[in-house]
Amino acid sequence: MRTVKRLSVIATALVVFGAADQRTIGAQDFYKDKTLTIVVGYSPGGSFDLYARVLARYIGRYLPGNPTRVVENMTGAGGMIAANHLYNRVKPDGLTIGAWASPLVLQHIMGNEAAQFDGRKFGYLGIPSPYDTVCTFNQQSGITKMDDWINAKRPQKISTIGPGTSTSDIPKLLKAALHLPIDVIDGYKGGADARLAVESGEVDGYCGSWGTVETVWRAAYESKKIVPVLQASLKSHAKYRRIPLAIEYAKTEEARELLKVADNVHVVQFPFSLPPGMAKDRLELLQRAFISALKDRDLVAEANRSQLDIHPVDGPAIAKTLASLYELKPATVAQLKDILLPKKK
């Protein structure tokens, strides 16, 4: 098992954003001449990475002292390495923000020993936008609609980043709830790598966010090289109501409950967080800066040009949602454990 002591070997990609003009917060200049690092648990080019980089360009405007911002990609284990690093190795001084997938909290609840953290103890800044999952297939698969998938003669290979991410958990839950022919291929370092596997024909499909389809995968979508087939969220994306919802195919109450749990966990997929033990005033300062940056008209304009959804949800709301997972019934946790927890070899 990998330990947090081996994090130094993880390859990182760095992007430094120069300090922009400070606009607000007349507090002490704590961040003056300092560097704020955002650690992203996934490879460059994915949705989480895009959100981190656009946030880095603007959050300095709302922090006293307007620090330099650095985005660091710390890949591995579906974001688990980055989450463990933030929880166990990072000082709670407000100079490091973590970006990792919320379903990793469920891995901790289910008893995955690799999850070396308690999801209730992070300091949550919020999410840039709710996460709506869609399963998309390449042309080679021959899957263009749900009937094709349901009646496929072989399991469809779905590329994923790894357990504890929506890219892995959603296909596994769809397989359990709807009995779809799915072969989950875990282990890609980020969404960009998983999507490349789809485009190359190495796998058949990928379950990721609509935001990804509209941004970094837009050209492939518009040229019909990839085809969205199923929405895993409980509600349709406003722009894509023609794509059916998974819950429409659920034939039992048990199946519907699994899909509801999936939605509750994965809709807050992109939490930005701080290590435990953060001073309350520093946490609140960063929570305000996070929301203010995501409402900055320049950031919103840039995001709109890139088709990147910005509908922020604040930190306290995310903390409440993730804490509620620890109240799941033991029977539900046992069922999820059987479906989602990596099997020991």
Protein backbone atom coordinates (compact mmCIF):
# COMPACT_ATOMS: atom_id res chain seq x y z
CA MET A 1 0.00 0.00 0.00
CA ARG A 2 1.25 3.42 -0.83
CA THR A 3 1.83 5.70 2.14
CA VAL A 4 1.89 9.44 2.47
CA LYS A 5 5.68 9.22 3.01
CA ARG A 6 6.08 8.31 -0.65
CA LEU A 7 4.29 11.37 -2.00
CA SER A 8 7.55 13.05 -2.94
CA VAL A 9 7.97 10.70 -5.88
CA ILE A 10 4.76 11.86 -7.51
CA ALA A 11 5.42 13.82 -10.68
CA THR A 12 3.95 17.29 -10.63
CA ALA A 13 3.08 19.87 -13.20
CA LEU A 14 3.35 23.47 -12.06
CA VAL A 15 1.77 26.62 -13.33
CA VAL A 16 2.50 29.88 -11.55
CA PHE A 17 0.05 32.71 -11.76
CA GLY A 18 1.43 36.17 -11.14
CA ALA A 19 -0.28 38.37 -8.63
CA ALA A 20 -3.19 40.36 -10.03
CA ASP A 21 -4.55 43.68 -8.80
CA GLN A 22 -6.14 43.28 -5.37
CA ARG A 23 -9.69 44.53 -5.19
CA THR A 24 -11.15 43.71 -1.81
CA ILE A 25 -10.74 42.67 1.82
CA GLY A 26 -9.23 45.34 3.96
CA ALA A 27 -7.63 42.90 6.40
CA GLN A 28 -4.05 42.40 7.49
CA ASP A 29 -1.63 41.52 4.69
CA PHE A 30 -1.12 37.93 5.78
CA TYR A 31 -0.58 36.72 2.22
CA LYS A 32 1.82 39.47 1.18
CA ASP A 33 4.99 38.02 -0.40
CA LYS A 34 3.67 34.48 0.14
CA THR A 35 2.62 31.71 -2.24
CA LEU A 36 -0.79 30.02 -2.20
CA THR A 37 -0.60 26.49 -3.62
CA ILE A 38 -3.58 24.61 -5.04
CA VAL A 39 -2.87 20.86 -5.09
CA VAL A 40 -4.98 19.07 -7.71
CA GLY A 41 -5.21 15.31 -7.40
CA TYR A 42 -5.52 14.73 -11.12
CA SER A 43 -3.58 15.31 -14.34
CA PRO A 44 -3.59 18.58 -16.32
CA GLY A 45 -6.40 19.05 -18.83
CA GLY A 46 -9.31 17.64 -16.82
CA SER A 47 -12.27 19.55 -15.41
CA PHE A 48 -10.85 19.75 -11.88
CA ASP A 49 -7.57 21.06 -13.25
CA LEU A 50 -9.37 23.68 -15.36
CA TYR A 51 -11.37 24.89 -12.37
CA ALA A 52 -8.22 25.11 -10.23
CA ARG A 53 -6.37 27.16 -12.83
CA VAL A 54 -9.16 29.64 -13.45
CA LEU A 55 -9.63 30.01 -9.67
CA ALA A 56 -5.89 30.60 -9.24
CA ARG A 57 -5.99 33.48 -11.69
CA TYR A 58 -8.57 35.40 -9.66
CA ILE A 59 -8.61 34.39 -5.98
CA GLY A 60 -5.64 36.65 -5.22
CA ARG A 61 -7.88 39.65 -5.79
CA TYR A 62 -9.82 38.68 -2.69
CA LEU A 63 -6.97 37.80 -0.33
CA PRO A 64 -5.06 40.37 1.74
CA GLY A 65 -1.56 40.75 0.34
CA ASN A 66 -2.53 39.25 -3.04
CA PRO A 67 -0.24 36.17 -2.96
CA THR A 68 1.37 34.45 -5.89
CA ARG A 69 -0.66 31.37 -6.83
CA VAL A 70 0.69 27.97 -7.88
CA VAL A 71 -1.27 25.00 -9.23
CA GLU A 72 0.39 21.64 -8.59
CA ASN A 73 -0.86 18.36 -10.07
CA MET A 74 -0.28 15.47 -7.63
CA THR A 75 -1.73 12.46 -9.42
CA GLY A 76 -2.31 8.91 -8.30
CA ALA A 77 -4.87 6.54 -6.76
CA GLY A 78 -7.85 8.48 -8.10
CA GLY A 79 -6.96 11.58 -6.08
CA MET A 80 -6.39 9.64 -2.86
CA ILE A 81 -2.70 10.59 -2.73
CA ALA A 82 -3.53 14.30 -2.87
CA ALA A 83 -6.30 13.99 -0.26
CA ASN A 84 -4.03 12.05 2.12
CA HIS A 85 -1.25 14.58 1.55
CA LEU A 86 -3.52 17.51 2.40
CA TYR A 87 -4.85 15.81 5.53
CA ASN A 88 -1.61 14.41 6.93
CA ARG A 89 1.28 16.48 5.63
CA VAL A 90 0.10 20.04 5.01
CA LYS A 91 0.28 22.70 7.72
CA PRO A 92 -3.09 24.35 8.48
CA ASP A 93 -1.74 27.82 7.73
CA GLY A 94 -3.97 28.75 4.81
CA LEU A 95 -1.22 28.49 2.20
CA THR A 96 -2.35 25.19 0.63
CA ILE A 97 -5.73 24.33 -0.89
CA GLY A 98 -6.56 20.77 -1.94
CA ALA A 99 -8.72 19.73 -4.87
CA TRP A 100 -9.83 16.09 -4.80
CA ALA A 101 -13.01 14.14 -5.55
CA SER A 102 -15.76 14.07 -2.92
CA PRO A 103 -16.55 10.34 -3.38
CA LEU A 104 -13.22 9.62 -1.69
CA VAL A 105 -15.08 10.40 1.54
CA LEU A 106 -17.31 7.42 0.81
CA GLN A 107 -14.19 5.26 0.47
CA HIS A 108 -13.26 6.25 4.04
CA ILE A 109 -16.75 5.48 5.30
CA MET A 110 -16.64 2.05 3.64
CA GLY A 111 -13.35 1.24 5.35
CA ASN A 112 -10.86 1.60 2.53
CA GLU A 113 -7.53 1.60 4.38
CA ALA A 114 -5.98 3.76 1.67
CA ALA A 115 -8.21 6.66 2.76
CA GLN A 116 -6.06 8.07 5.56
CA PHE A 117 -8.39 10.91 6.51
CA ASP A 118 -11.76 11.75 8.04
CA GLY A 119 -13.94 13.63 5.57
CA ARG A 120 -15.64 15.58 8.37
CA LYS A 121 -12.42 17.27 9.47
CA PHE A 122 -11.35 19.07 6.30
CA GLY A 123 -12.14 22.76 6.00
CA TYR A 124 -14.30 23.12 2.88
CA LEU A 125 -14.21 26.24 0.71
CA GLY A 126 -16.96 25.09 -1.63
CA ILE A 127 -17.41 23.78 -5.17
CA PRO A 128 -17.31 25.81 -8.41
CA SER A 129 -20.42 24.10 -9.78
CA PRO A 130 -22.56 21.00 -9.21
CA TYR A 131 -21.34 17.94 -11.12
CA ASP A 132 -23.72 16.37 -13.63
CA THR A 133 -22.53 12.98 -14.90
CA VAL A 134 -23.05 11.74 -18.46
CA CYS A 135 -21.84 8.47 -19.99
CA THR A 136 -20.37 8.95 -23.45
CA PHE A 137 -19.24 6.42 -26.06
CA ASN A 138 -16.96 6.49 -29.09
CA GLN A 139 -18.02 5.62 -32.64
CA GLN A 140 -16.17 2.31 -32.62
CA SER A 141 -18.38 1.01 -29.80
CA GLY A 142 -21.54 1.21 -31.88
CA ILE A 143 -23.38 2.57 -28.82
CA THR A 144 -25.50 5.58 -29.81
CA LYS A 145 -28.54 5.10 -27.55
CA MET A 146 -29.55 3.23 -24.41
CA ASP A 147 -31.08 0.30 -26.28
CA ASP A 148 -27.67 -0.31 -27.87
CA TRP A 149 -26.01 -0.37 -24.45
CA ILE A 150 -28.65 -2.55 -22.79
CA ASN A 151 -28.46 -5.10 -25.61
CA ALA A 152 -24.70 -4.97 -26.18
CA LYS A 153 -23.21 -8.41 -26.90
CA ARG A 154 -20.19 -7.74 -24.69
CA PRO A 155 -19.45 -5.60 -21.63
CA GLN A 156 -18.54 -2.06 -22.61
CA LYS A 157 -15.11 -0.99 -21.38
CA ILE A 158 -15.38 2.26 -19.38
CA SER A 159 -12.16 4.15 -18.57
CA THR A 160 -11.92 5.63 -15.08
CA ILE A 161 -9.52 7.57 -12.89
CA GLY A 162 -9.98 5.10 -10.05
CA PRO A 163 -12.12 4.16 -7.03
CA GLY A 164 -13.45 7.15 -5.14
CA THR A 165 -14.12 9.24 -8.25
CA SER A 166 -17.38 9.61 -10.14
CA THR A 167 -15.69 8.21 -13.24
CA SER A 168 -15.32 4.87 -11.43
CA ASP A 169 -18.16 4.84 -8.91
CA ILE A 170 -20.92 5.84 -11.32
CA PRO A 171 -20.29 2.98 -13.81
CA LYS A 172 -20.11 0.49 -10.94
CA LEU A 173 -23.38 1.76 -9.48
CA LEU A 174 -25.04 1.72 -12.92
CA LYS A 175 -23.92 -1.87 -13.38
CA ALA A 176 -25.35 -2.86 -9.99
CA ALA A 177 -28.59 -0.88 -10.25
CA LEU A 178 -29.45 -1.34 -13.92
CA HIS A 179 -27.50 -4.51 -14.76
CA LEU A 180 -25.82 -2.79 -17.68
CA PRO A 181 -22.97 -4.65 -19.43
CA ILE A 182 -19.98 -2.73 -18.08
CA ASP A 183 -16.30 -3.53 -17.65
CA VAL A 184 -14.73 -0.82 -15.47
CA ILE A 185 -11.11 -0.08 -16.37
CA ASP A 186 -9.59 1.78 -13.39
CA GLY A 187 -6.20 3.44 -13.15
CA TYR A 188 -5.97 6.41 -15.52
CA LYS A 189 -4.16 9.38 -13.95
CA GLY A 190 -6.82 11.93 -14.83
CA GLY A 191 -9.81 12.71 -16.99
CA ALA A 192 -7.62 13.74 -19.91
CA ASP A 193 -5.94 10.31 -19.97
CA ALA A 194 -9.26 8.49 -19.59
CA ARG A 195 -10.78 10.46 -22.48
CA LEU A 196 -7.78 9.79 -24.72
CA ALA A 197 -8.38 6.08 -24.13
CA VAL A 198 -11.92 6.54 -25.47
CA GLU A 199 -10.78 8.47 -28.53
CA SER A 200 -8.08 5.93 -29.37
CA GLY A 201 -10.48 3.00 -29.08
CA GLU A 202 -8.58 1.50 -26.16
CA VAL A 203 -11.91 1.55 -24.31
CA ASP A 204 -15.51 2.16 -25.38
CA GLY A 205 -16.71 4.96 -23.14
CA TYR A 206 -16.30 7.30 -20.20
CA CYS A 207 -18.68 8.64 -17.54
CA GLY A 208 -17.70 12.22 -16.72
CA SER A 209 -19.18 15.67 -16.38
CA TRP A 210 -21.24 17.59 -18.91
CA GLY A 211 -18.75 20.37 -18.31
CA THR A 212 -16.02 18.18 -19.79
CA VAL A 213 -18.12 17.47 -22.89
CA GLU A 214 -18.70 21.20 -23.35
CA THR A 215 -15.08 22.25 -22.88
CA VAL A 216 -12.08 20.00 -23.45
CA TRP A 217 -14.13 17.36 -25.32
CA ARG A 218 -16.23 19.80 -27.30
CA ALA A 219 -14.56 19.21 -30.69
CA ALA A 220 -15.03 15.44 -30.44
CA TYR A 221 -18.66 15.94 -29.38
CA GLU A 222 -19.49 18.37 -32.19
CA SER A 223 -17.84 16.12 -34.78
CA LYS A 224 -19.84 13.16 -33.40
CA LYS A 225 -16.71 11.19 -32.56
CA ILE A 226 -18.29 10.73 -29.14
CA VAL A 227 -21.98 10.31 -28.34
CA PRO A 228 -23.63 11.07 -24.96
CA VAL A 229 -26.01 8.21 -24.13
CA LEU A 230 -27.08 8.40 -20.46
CA GLN A 231 -27.26 10.99 -17.67
CA ALA A 232 -26.50 9.54 -14.24
CA SER A 233 -27.84 12.57 -12.33
CA LEU A 234 -31.38 12.62 -10.95
CA LYS A 235 -32.28 15.71 -12.96
CA SER A 236 -31.58 16.46 -16.61
CA HIS A 237 -28.99 19.03 -17.55
CA ALA A 238 -30.92 22.06 -18.83
CA LYS A 239 -29.27 21.88 -22.26
CA TYR A 240 -29.57 18.12 -22.78
CA ARG A 241 -33.04 17.01 -21.79
CA ARG A 242 -33.18 14.62 -24.76
CA ILE A 243 -30.56 12.38 -23.11
CA PRO A 244 -32.35 9.89 -20.80
CA LEU A 245 -31.79 9.65 -17.05
CA ALA A 246 -30.50 6.49 -15.41
CA ILE A 247 -33.28 6.56 -12.82
CA GLU A 248 -35.81 6.10 -15.64
CA TYR A 249 -34.42 2.59 -16.14
CA ALA A 250 -34.47 1.60 -12.45
CA LYS A 251 -36.95 -1.25 -11.95
CA THR A 252 -36.74 -1.65 -8.17
CA GLU A 253 -36.71 0.61 -5.13
CA GLU A 254 -33.26 -0.75 -4.27
CA ALA A 255 -31.96 0.36 -7.66
CA ARG A 256 -33.50 3.80 -7.24
CA GLU A 257 -31.91 4.17 -3.79
CA LEU A 258 -28.47 3.31 -5.17
CA LEU A 259 -28.82 5.96 -7.86
CA LYS A 260 -30.00 8.52 -5.30
CA VAL A 261 -26.95 7.87 -3.11
CA ALA A 262 -24.77 8.19 -6.19
CA ASP A 263 -26.26 11.57 -7.01
CA ASN A 264 -25.96 12.89 -3.45
CA VAL A 265 -22.27 11.98 -3.32
CA HIS A 266 -21.17 12.91 -6.81
CA VAL A 267 -23.07 16.15 -7.36
CA VAL A 268 -20.51 17.84 -5.06
CA GLN A 269 -17.64 16.17 -6.93
CA PHE A 270 -15.25 19.14 -6.98
CA PRO A 271 -14.67 20.30 -3.37
CA PHE A 272 -11.79 22.68 -2.71
CA SER A 273 -10.61 22.13 0.84
CA LEU A 274 -8.08 22.91 3.57
CA PRO A 275 -6.28 20.61 6.02
CA PRO A 276 -7.87 19.97 9.44
CA GLY A 277 -7.07 22.28 12.32
CA MET A 278 -7.39 25.53 10.37
CA ALA A 279 -8.03 28.62 12.49
CA LYS A 280 -11.66 29.71 12.11
CA ASP A 281 -10.85 33.23 10.92
CA ARG A 282 -8.42 31.95 8.26
CA LEU A 283 -10.94 29.34 7.08
CA GLU A 284 -13.69 31.94 6.80
CA LEU A 285 -11.36 34.33 4.97
CA LEU A 286 -10.59 31.68 2.35
CA GLN A 287 -14.23 30.63 2.09
CA ARG A 288 -15.21 34.23 1.32
CA ALA A 289 -12.35 34.62 -1.16
CA PHE A 290 -13.33 31.39 -2.92
CA ILE A 291 -16.94 32.43 -3.46
CA SER A 292 -16.00 36.03 -4.33
CA ALA A 293 -13.49 34.86 -6.94
CA LEU A 294 -16.05 32.56 -8.55
CA LYS A 295 -18.50 35.45 -8.74
CA ASP A 296 -15.89 37.82 -10.18
CA ARG A 297 -17.24 39.07 -13.50
CA ASP A 298 -13.88 38.63 -15.19
CA LEU A 299 -13.66 35.00 -14.05
CA VAL A 300 -17.25 34.36 -15.12
CA ALA A 301 -16.57 35.90 -18.53
CA GLU A 302 -13.47 33.75 -18.99
CA ALA A 303 -15.37 30.64 -17.87
CA ASN A 304 -18.21 31.42 -20.28
CA ARG A 305 -15.78 31.69 -23.17
CA SER A 306 -14.46 28.26 -22.25
CA GLN A 307 -17.95 26.78 -21.68
CA LEU A 308 -16.95 26.10 -18.06
CA ASP A 309 -19.97 26.01 -15.73
CA ILE A 310 -19.77 28.36 -12.75
CA HIS A 311 -22.54 27.98 -10.17
CA PRO A 312 -20.66 27.99 -6.85
CA VAL A 313 -21.87 26.33 -3.67
CA ASP A 314 -20.31 27.53 -0.41
CA GLY A 315 -18.11 25.57 1.98
CA PRO A 316 -20.54 25.13 4.89
CA ALA A 317 -23.11 23.56 2.55
CA ILE A 318 -20.53 21.13 1.16
CA ALA A 319 -19.33 20.26 4.68
CA LYS A 320 -22.91 19.46 5.69
CA THR A 321 -23.50 17.28 2.62
CA LEU A 322 -20.32 15.25 3.10
CA ALA A 323 -20.84 14.91 6.86
CA SER A 324 -24.31 13.45 6.18
CA LEU A 325 -22.68 10.51 4.40
CA TYR A 326 -21.36 9.34 7.76
CA GLU A 327 -25.00 8.86 8.82
CA LEU A 328 -25.84 6.31 6.10
CA LYS A 329 -27.49 3.15 7.41
CA PRO A 330 -25.07 0.26 8.02
CA ALA A 331 -26.96 -1.89 5.50
CA THR A 332 -26.52 0.79 2.83
CA VAL A 333 -22.82 1.14 3.61
CA ALA A 334 -22.41 -2.64 3.37
CA GLN A 335 -24.10 -2.67 -0.02
CA LEU A 336 -22.00 0.22 -1.30
CA LYS A 337 -18.88 -1.46 0.06
CA ASP A 338 -19.64 -4.58 -1.96
CA ILE A 339 -20.11 -2.50 -5.12
CA LEU A 340 -17.48 0.21 -4.81
CA LEU A 341 -14.66 -0.84 -2.52
CA PRO A 342 -11.61 -2.18 -4.38
CA LYS A 343 -11.34 -5.93 -3.93
CA LYS A 344 -8.19 -7.16 -2.19
CA LYS A 345 -6.09 -9.40 -4.39
